Structure formats: structure tokens, C-alpha cells
Amino acid sequence: MYFNMKLVDILSEAVETYFMSAIIKMERKKANSTEIYNQIRAIKDIVVIKVISNEKLESLSDANYDYALLEIKFINEGTPEETIQMIKQNALKINGLVKFFPRAKSLVKIRNY
């Protein structure tokens, strides 16, 4: 009986999904961009990332660093700001990822589940 009550509590929790964009800076010598994208996808609460082509960011890339614009869909735990901060902290642990700039103005709530 106790287990069933816990399961009902879990199933009745609302899950909020958000969308944001972020600019990342990657060091070419430490890891390739595909590996970094895959590791970002593996961060807790991230559902989907999409790499967006951006000519301005591509023009900033040089022999040492690449820049990319990501669209990130994530599940919220707590406030969206707390979740974004947690995602940023985990992303910066990735070998080859130098900077992670969430674009706060791009934050959009998608829906509740």
C-alpha cells in the first residue's frame, strides 16, 4: 500500500519543460565538438539539444577555439534559474568546454506534463 501511494505521488507531480539557447566556447585541442555536444546531451535534466548554424559565431572561431549556438530543451527542477545554473556547472566540467553562456532572454516555458 505504501509503495502504491508513493507511485501515485510521483505520477501526479507536474513536470515543467523549458527551452533556452546558449553560446558555448570549445577548445579544439582538448576535444572535438561532436563529443562535447554528446556530453552536454547527457547532462541531467537536458532532454534535447540542437546545434544552430550561426555565421557570426562561426566567424569568431579560430585555430584554438570554436563557438556554437545551442537550443536546449530541459526539464525544470526547482526554479528555471536554478536548473540552468546546475546545467551550466555540469557543462563546464566537460573536457574541452571553456565557456557556457546561457541566454536568459531566450528562456521560454514550453508546457507542464
N, C-alpha and C. Protein backbone atom coordinates (compact mmCIF):
# COMPACT_ATOMS: atom_id res chain seq x y z
N MET A 1 0.82 -1.20 0.00
CA MET A 1 0.00 0.00 0.00
C MET A 1 0.86 1.26 0.00
N TYR A 2 1.90 1.27 0.84
CA TYR A 2 2.78 2.43 0.91
C TYR A 2 3.43 2.69 -0.44
N PHE A 3 3.89 1.61 -1.09
CA PHE A 3 4.53 1.75 -2.39
C PHE A 3 3.57 2.38 -3.40
N ASN A 4 2.32 1.94 -3.42
CA ASN A 4 1.33 2.48 -4.36
C ASN A 4 1.08 3.96 -4.11
N MET A 5 1.04 4.36 -2.86
CA MET A 5 0.84 5.78 -2.56
C MET A 5 2.01 6.60 -3.07
N LYS A 6 3.21 6.10 -2.91
CA LYS A 6 4.38 6.81 -3.40
C LYS A 6 4.35 6.91 -4.93
N LEU A 7 3.97 5.85 -5.59
CA LEU A 7 3.89 5.86 -7.03
C LEU A 7 2.86 6.87 -7.51
N VAL A 8 1.72 6.95 -6.84
CA VAL A 8 0.69 7.92 -7.19
C VAL A 8 1.24 9.34 -6.99
N ASP A 9 1.96 9.56 -5.90
CA ASP A 9 2.55 10.89 -5.67
C ASP A 9 3.51 11.26 -6.80
N ILE A 10 4.32 10.31 -7.21
CA ILE A 10 5.28 10.57 -8.28
C ILE A 10 4.56 10.85 -9.59
N LEU A 11 3.57 10.06 -9.90
CA LEU A 11 2.85 10.23 -11.17
C LEU A 11 2.04 11.51 -11.22
N SER A 12 1.64 12.02 -10.07
CA SER A 12 0.82 13.24 -10.08
C SER A 12 1.66 14.52 -10.05
N GLU A 13 2.97 14.39 -9.92
CA GLU A 13 3.82 15.58 -9.93
C GLU A 13 3.81 16.21 -11.32
N ALA A 14 3.76 17.53 -11.36
CA ALA A 14 3.82 18.24 -12.63
C ALA A 14 5.28 18.41 -13.03
N VAL A 15 5.54 18.19 -14.29
CA VAL A 15 6.88 18.37 -14.82
C VAL A 15 6.83 19.55 -15.78
N GLU A 16 7.67 20.54 -15.53
CA GLU A 16 7.74 21.71 -16.40
C GLU A 16 8.89 21.55 -17.38
N THR A 17 8.63 21.87 -18.63
CA THR A 17 9.66 21.79 -19.66
C THR A 17 9.92 23.20 -20.19
N TYR A 18 11.20 23.52 -20.32
CA TYR A 18 11.62 24.84 -20.79
C TYR A 18 12.55 24.71 -21.98
N PHE A 19 12.68 25.82 -22.69
CA PHE A 19 13.57 25.95 -23.82
C PHE A 19 14.47 27.16 -23.57
N MET A 20 15.74 27.04 -23.89
CA MET A 20 16.64 28.19 -23.83
C MET A 20 17.72 28.01 -24.89
N SER A 21 18.43 29.07 -25.19
CA SER A 21 19.59 28.95 -26.06
C SER A 21 20.84 29.30 -25.24
N ALA A 22 21.96 28.79 -25.69
CA ALA A 22 23.23 29.04 -25.01
C ALA A 22 24.34 29.11 -26.05
N ILE A 23 25.32 29.93 -25.77
CA ILE A 23 26.51 30.01 -26.60
C ILE A 23 27.63 29.29 -25.86
N ILE A 24 28.34 28.43 -26.57
CA ILE A 24 29.45 27.71 -25.94
C ILE A 24 30.75 28.00 -26.68
N LYS A 25 31.84 27.93 -25.92
CA LYS A 25 33.19 28.09 -26.47
C LYS A 25 33.95 26.81 -26.17
N MET A 26 34.52 26.21 -27.22
CA MET A 26 35.19 24.92 -27.08
C MET A 26 36.64 25.03 -27.52
N GLU A 27 37.52 24.36 -26.78
CA GLU A 27 38.93 24.32 -27.13
C GLU A 27 39.17 23.14 -28.07
N ARG A 28 39.62 23.43 -29.27
CA ARG A 28 39.78 22.40 -30.30
C ARG A 28 40.77 21.29 -29.92
N LYS A 29 41.84 21.63 -29.23
CA LYS A 29 42.89 20.66 -28.94
C LYS A 29 42.47 19.63 -27.91
N LYS A 30 41.48 19.95 -27.07
CA LYS A 30 41.11 19.04 -25.98
C LYS A 30 40.03 18.03 -26.38
N ALA A 31 39.11 18.42 -27.25
CA ALA A 31 38.02 17.52 -27.65
C ALA A 31 37.37 18.05 -28.92
N ASN A 32 36.78 17.15 -29.70
CA ASN A 32 36.06 17.64 -30.88
C ASN A 32 34.64 18.06 -30.48
N SER A 33 34.05 18.87 -31.31
CA SER A 33 32.75 19.45 -30.98
C SER A 33 31.65 18.40 -30.84
N THR A 34 31.66 17.37 -31.65
CA THR A 34 30.63 16.34 -31.56
C THR A 34 30.65 15.65 -30.20
N GLU A 35 31.83 15.36 -29.70
CA GLU A 35 31.96 14.74 -28.39
C GLU A 35 31.43 15.67 -27.29
N ILE A 36 31.72 16.94 -27.40
CA ILE A 36 31.22 17.92 -26.42
C ILE A 36 29.70 17.99 -26.47
N TYR A 37 29.12 18.04 -27.67
CA TYR A 37 27.66 18.07 -27.80
C TYR A 37 27.03 16.84 -27.15
N ASN A 38 27.62 15.68 -27.39
CA ASN A 38 27.08 14.45 -26.81
C ASN A 38 27.16 14.46 -25.29
N GLN A 39 28.22 15.01 -24.75
CA GLN A 39 28.33 15.09 -23.29
C GLN A 39 27.34 16.10 -22.71
N ILE A 40 27.07 17.16 -23.42
CA ILE A 40 26.04 18.12 -22.97
C ILE A 40 24.68 17.44 -22.97
N ARG A 41 24.39 16.66 -24.02
CA ARG A 41 23.12 15.93 -24.09
C ARG A 41 22.93 14.99 -22.89
N ALA A 42 24.04 14.51 -22.33
CA ALA A 42 23.98 13.56 -21.22
C ALA A 42 23.78 14.22 -19.86
N ILE A 43 23.79 15.54 -19.79
CA ILE A 43 23.63 16.24 -18.52
C ILE A 43 22.21 16.02 -18.00
N LYS A 44 22.11 15.78 -16.71
CA LYS A 44 20.82 15.57 -16.05
C LYS A 44 19.87 16.72 -16.38
N ASP A 45 18.63 16.40 -16.65
CA ASP A 45 17.52 17.31 -16.94
C ASP A 45 17.49 17.81 -18.39
N ILE A 46 18.55 17.62 -19.16
CA ILE A 46 18.50 18.03 -20.57
C ILE A 46 17.78 16.95 -21.36
N VAL A 47 16.82 17.38 -22.16
CA VAL A 47 16.03 16.46 -22.98
C VAL A 47 16.59 16.43 -24.39
N VAL A 48 16.81 17.61 -24.98
CA VAL A 48 17.27 17.71 -26.37
C VAL A 48 18.20 18.91 -26.50
N ILE A 49 19.25 18.77 -27.31
CA ILE A 49 19.99 19.94 -27.75
C ILE A 49 20.04 19.93 -29.27
N LYS A 50 20.05 21.12 -29.81
CA LYS A 50 20.12 21.28 -31.26
C LYS A 50 21.19 22.32 -31.54
N VAL A 51 22.13 22.01 -32.41
CA VAL A 51 23.18 22.95 -32.78
C VAL A 51 22.65 23.81 -33.92
N ILE A 52 22.70 25.12 -33.72
CA ILE A 52 22.16 26.07 -34.70
C ILE A 52 23.33 26.74 -35.44
N SER A 53 23.25 26.74 -36.74
CA SER A 53 24.28 27.41 -37.54
C SER A 53 24.18 28.92 -37.33
N ASN A 54 25.31 29.56 -37.05
CA ASN A 54 25.33 30.99 -36.80
C ASN A 54 26.62 31.56 -37.39
N GLU A 55 26.49 32.34 -38.46
CA GLU A 55 27.65 32.86 -39.17
C GLU A 55 28.53 33.75 -38.29
N LYS A 56 27.92 34.55 -37.44
CA LYS A 56 28.70 35.44 -36.58
C LYS A 56 29.58 34.64 -35.62
N LEU A 57 29.01 33.60 -35.00
CA LEU A 57 29.80 32.77 -34.09
C LEU A 57 30.86 31.98 -34.85
N GLU A 58 30.52 31.49 -36.02
CA GLU A 58 31.50 30.75 -36.82
C GLU A 58 32.67 31.65 -37.22
N SER A 59 32.40 32.94 -37.45
CA SER A 59 33.48 33.86 -37.81
C SER A 59 34.41 34.15 -36.62
N LEU A 60 33.92 33.95 -35.39
CA LEU A 60 34.76 34.14 -34.20
C LEU A 60 35.70 32.97 -33.97
N SER A 61 35.38 31.81 -34.54
CA SER A 61 36.21 30.62 -34.36
C SER A 61 37.59 30.85 -34.98
N ASP A 62 38.61 30.28 -34.34
CA ASP A 62 39.97 30.40 -34.85
C ASP A 62 40.67 29.04 -34.72
N ALA A 63 41.98 29.03 -34.81
CA ALA A 63 42.73 27.77 -34.75
C ALA A 63 42.62 27.08 -33.39
N ASN A 64 42.34 27.84 -32.34
CA ASN A 64 42.30 27.28 -30.99
C ASN A 64 40.89 27.01 -30.46
N TYR A 65 39.92 27.84 -30.85
CA TYR A 65 38.59 27.76 -30.26
C TYR A 65 37.48 27.74 -31.32
N ASP A 66 36.42 27.00 -31.02
CA ASP A 66 35.19 27.01 -31.81
C ASP A 66 34.07 27.56 -30.93
N TYR A 67 33.12 28.22 -31.56
CA TYR A 67 31.94 28.72 -30.86
C TYR A 67 30.72 28.08 -31.49
N ALA A 68 29.68 27.86 -30.69
CA ALA A 68 28.44 27.28 -31.22
C ALA A 68 27.24 27.82 -30.46
N LEU A 69 26.13 27.88 -31.15
CA LEU A 69 24.85 28.26 -30.55
C LEU A 69 24.02 26.99 -30.40
N LEU A 70 23.55 26.75 -29.19
CA LEU A 70 22.74 25.56 -28.91
C LEU A 70 21.34 25.97 -28.50
N GLU A 71 20.35 25.23 -28.97
CA GLU A 71 18.99 25.32 -28.43
C GLU A 71 18.84 24.13 -27.50
N ILE A 72 18.45 24.40 -26.27
CA ILE A 72 18.39 23.36 -25.25
C ILE A 72 16.98 23.27 -24.68
N LYS A 73 16.43 22.07 -24.69
CA LYS A 73 15.14 21.79 -24.06
C LYS A 73 15.45 21.02 -22.78
N PHE A 74 14.91 21.49 -21.65
CA PHE A 74 15.23 20.82 -20.39
C PHE A 74 14.01 20.73 -19.48
N ILE A 75 14.08 19.77 -18.56
CA ILE A 75 13.05 19.59 -17.54
C ILE A 75 13.47 20.40 -16.33
N ASN A 76 12.54 21.15 -15.79
CA ASN A 76 12.84 22.02 -14.66
C ASN A 76 12.72 21.30 -13.33
N GLU A 77 13.70 21.53 -12.47
CA GLU A 77 13.64 21.10 -11.07
C GLU A 77 13.87 22.33 -10.23
N GLY A 78 12.93 22.69 -9.39
CA GLY A 78 13.05 23.94 -8.64
C GLY A 78 12.64 25.09 -9.53
N THR A 79 13.46 26.14 -9.56
CA THR A 79 13.18 27.26 -10.46
C THR A 79 13.98 27.07 -11.75
N PRO A 80 13.54 27.66 -12.84
CA PRO A 80 14.31 27.53 -14.09
C PRO A 80 15.73 28.05 -13.94
N GLU A 81 15.89 29.12 -13.20
CA GLU A 81 17.21 29.72 -13.00
C GLU A 81 18.15 28.75 -12.27
N GLU A 82 17.62 28.04 -11.27
CA GLU A 82 18.43 27.05 -10.54
C GLU A 82 18.83 25.90 -11.46
N THR A 83 17.90 25.45 -12.28
CA THR A 83 18.19 24.35 -13.20
C THR A 83 19.23 24.78 -14.23
N ILE A 84 19.10 25.99 -14.76
CA ILE A 84 20.08 26.49 -15.73
C ILE A 84 21.46 26.57 -15.09
N GLN A 85 21.52 27.04 -13.85
CA GLN A 85 22.81 27.14 -13.15
C GLN A 85 23.43 25.76 -12.96
N MET A 86 22.60 24.77 -12.62
CA MET A 86 23.09 23.40 -12.45
C MET A 86 23.60 22.83 -13.79
N ILE A 87 22.85 23.10 -14.86
CA ILE A 87 23.28 22.66 -16.19
C ILE A 87 24.62 23.30 -16.54
N LYS A 88 24.76 24.59 -16.28
CA LYS A 88 26.00 25.31 -16.59
C LYS A 88 27.17 24.72 -15.80
N GLN A 89 26.97 24.48 -14.50
CA GLN A 89 28.03 23.92 -13.67
C GLN A 89 28.48 22.55 -14.19
N ASN A 90 27.54 21.71 -14.56
CA ASN A 90 27.87 20.39 -15.10
C ASN A 90 28.53 20.48 -16.47
N ALA A 91 28.07 21.41 -17.29
CA ALA A 91 28.65 21.57 -18.63
C ALA A 91 30.11 22.00 -18.54
N LEU A 92 30.42 22.88 -17.61
CA LEU A 92 31.79 23.38 -17.51
C LEU A 92 32.77 22.32 -16.99
N LYS A 93 32.26 21.18 -16.56
CA LYS A 93 33.13 20.05 -16.17
C LYS A 93 33.56 19.23 -17.38
N ILE A 94 32.97 19.48 -18.54
CA ILE A 94 33.27 18.72 -19.75
C ILE A 94 34.62 19.13 -20.30
N ASN A 95 35.47 18.15 -20.55
CA ASN A 95 36.80 18.40 -21.09
C ASN A 95 36.68 19.08 -22.46
N GLY A 96 37.32 20.22 -22.61
CA GLY A 96 37.31 20.96 -23.88
C GLY A 96 36.28 22.07 -23.94
N LEU A 97 35.32 22.08 -23.02
CA LEU A 97 34.33 23.17 -22.98
C LEU A 97 34.87 24.27 -22.08
N VAL A 98 35.09 25.44 -22.66
CA VAL A 98 35.74 26.54 -21.94
C VAL A 98 34.71 27.49 -21.33
N LYS A 99 33.67 27.80 -22.09
CA LYS A 99 32.64 28.75 -21.63
C LYS A 99 31.26 28.22 -21.98
N PHE A 100 30.29 28.55 -21.14
CA PHE A 100 28.90 28.20 -21.36
C PHE A 100 28.07 29.41 -20.97
N PHE A 101 27.51 30.10 -21.97
CA PHE A 101 26.74 31.32 -21.73
C PHE A 101 25.26 31.08 -21.99
N PRO A 102 24.45 30.81 -20.96
CA PRO A 102 23.01 30.70 -21.18
C PRO A 102 22.45 32.08 -21.55
N ARG A 103 21.58 32.12 -22.50
CA ARG A 103 20.96 33.39 -22.91
C ARG A 103 19.63 33.51 -22.17
N ALA A 104 19.65 34.26 -21.08
CA ALA A 104 18.50 34.35 -20.16
C ALA A 104 17.24 34.85 -20.88
N LYS A 105 17.39 35.75 -21.82
CA LYS A 105 16.22 36.29 -22.52
C LYS A 105 15.55 35.28 -23.43
N SER A 106 16.24 34.17 -23.70
CA SER A 106 15.67 33.16 -24.60
C SER A 106 14.83 32.12 -23.85
N LEU A 107 14.79 32.20 -22.53
CA LEU A 107 14.07 31.21 -21.72
C LEU A 107 12.56 31.27 -21.99
N VAL A 108 12.00 30.11 -22.38
CA VAL A 108 10.58 30.03 -22.67
C VAL A 108 10.04 28.75 -22.04
N LYS A 109 8.92 28.87 -21.32
CA LYS A 109 8.28 27.69 -20.77
C LYS A 109 7.48 27.04 -21.89
N ILE A 110 7.73 25.74 -22.09
CA ILE A 110 7.06 25.03 -23.18
C ILE A 110 5.72 24.49 -22.70
N ARG A 111 5.76 23.67 -21.61
CA ARG A 111 4.49 23.13 -21.10
C ARG A 111 4.71 22.41 -19.78
N ASN A 112 3.59 22.10 -19.14
CA ASN A 112 3.57 21.23 -17.95
C ASN A 112 3.10 19.86 -18.39
N TYR A 113 3.67 18.83 -17.80
CA TYR A 113 3.22 17.46 -18.06
C TYR A 113 2.60 16.91 -16.81
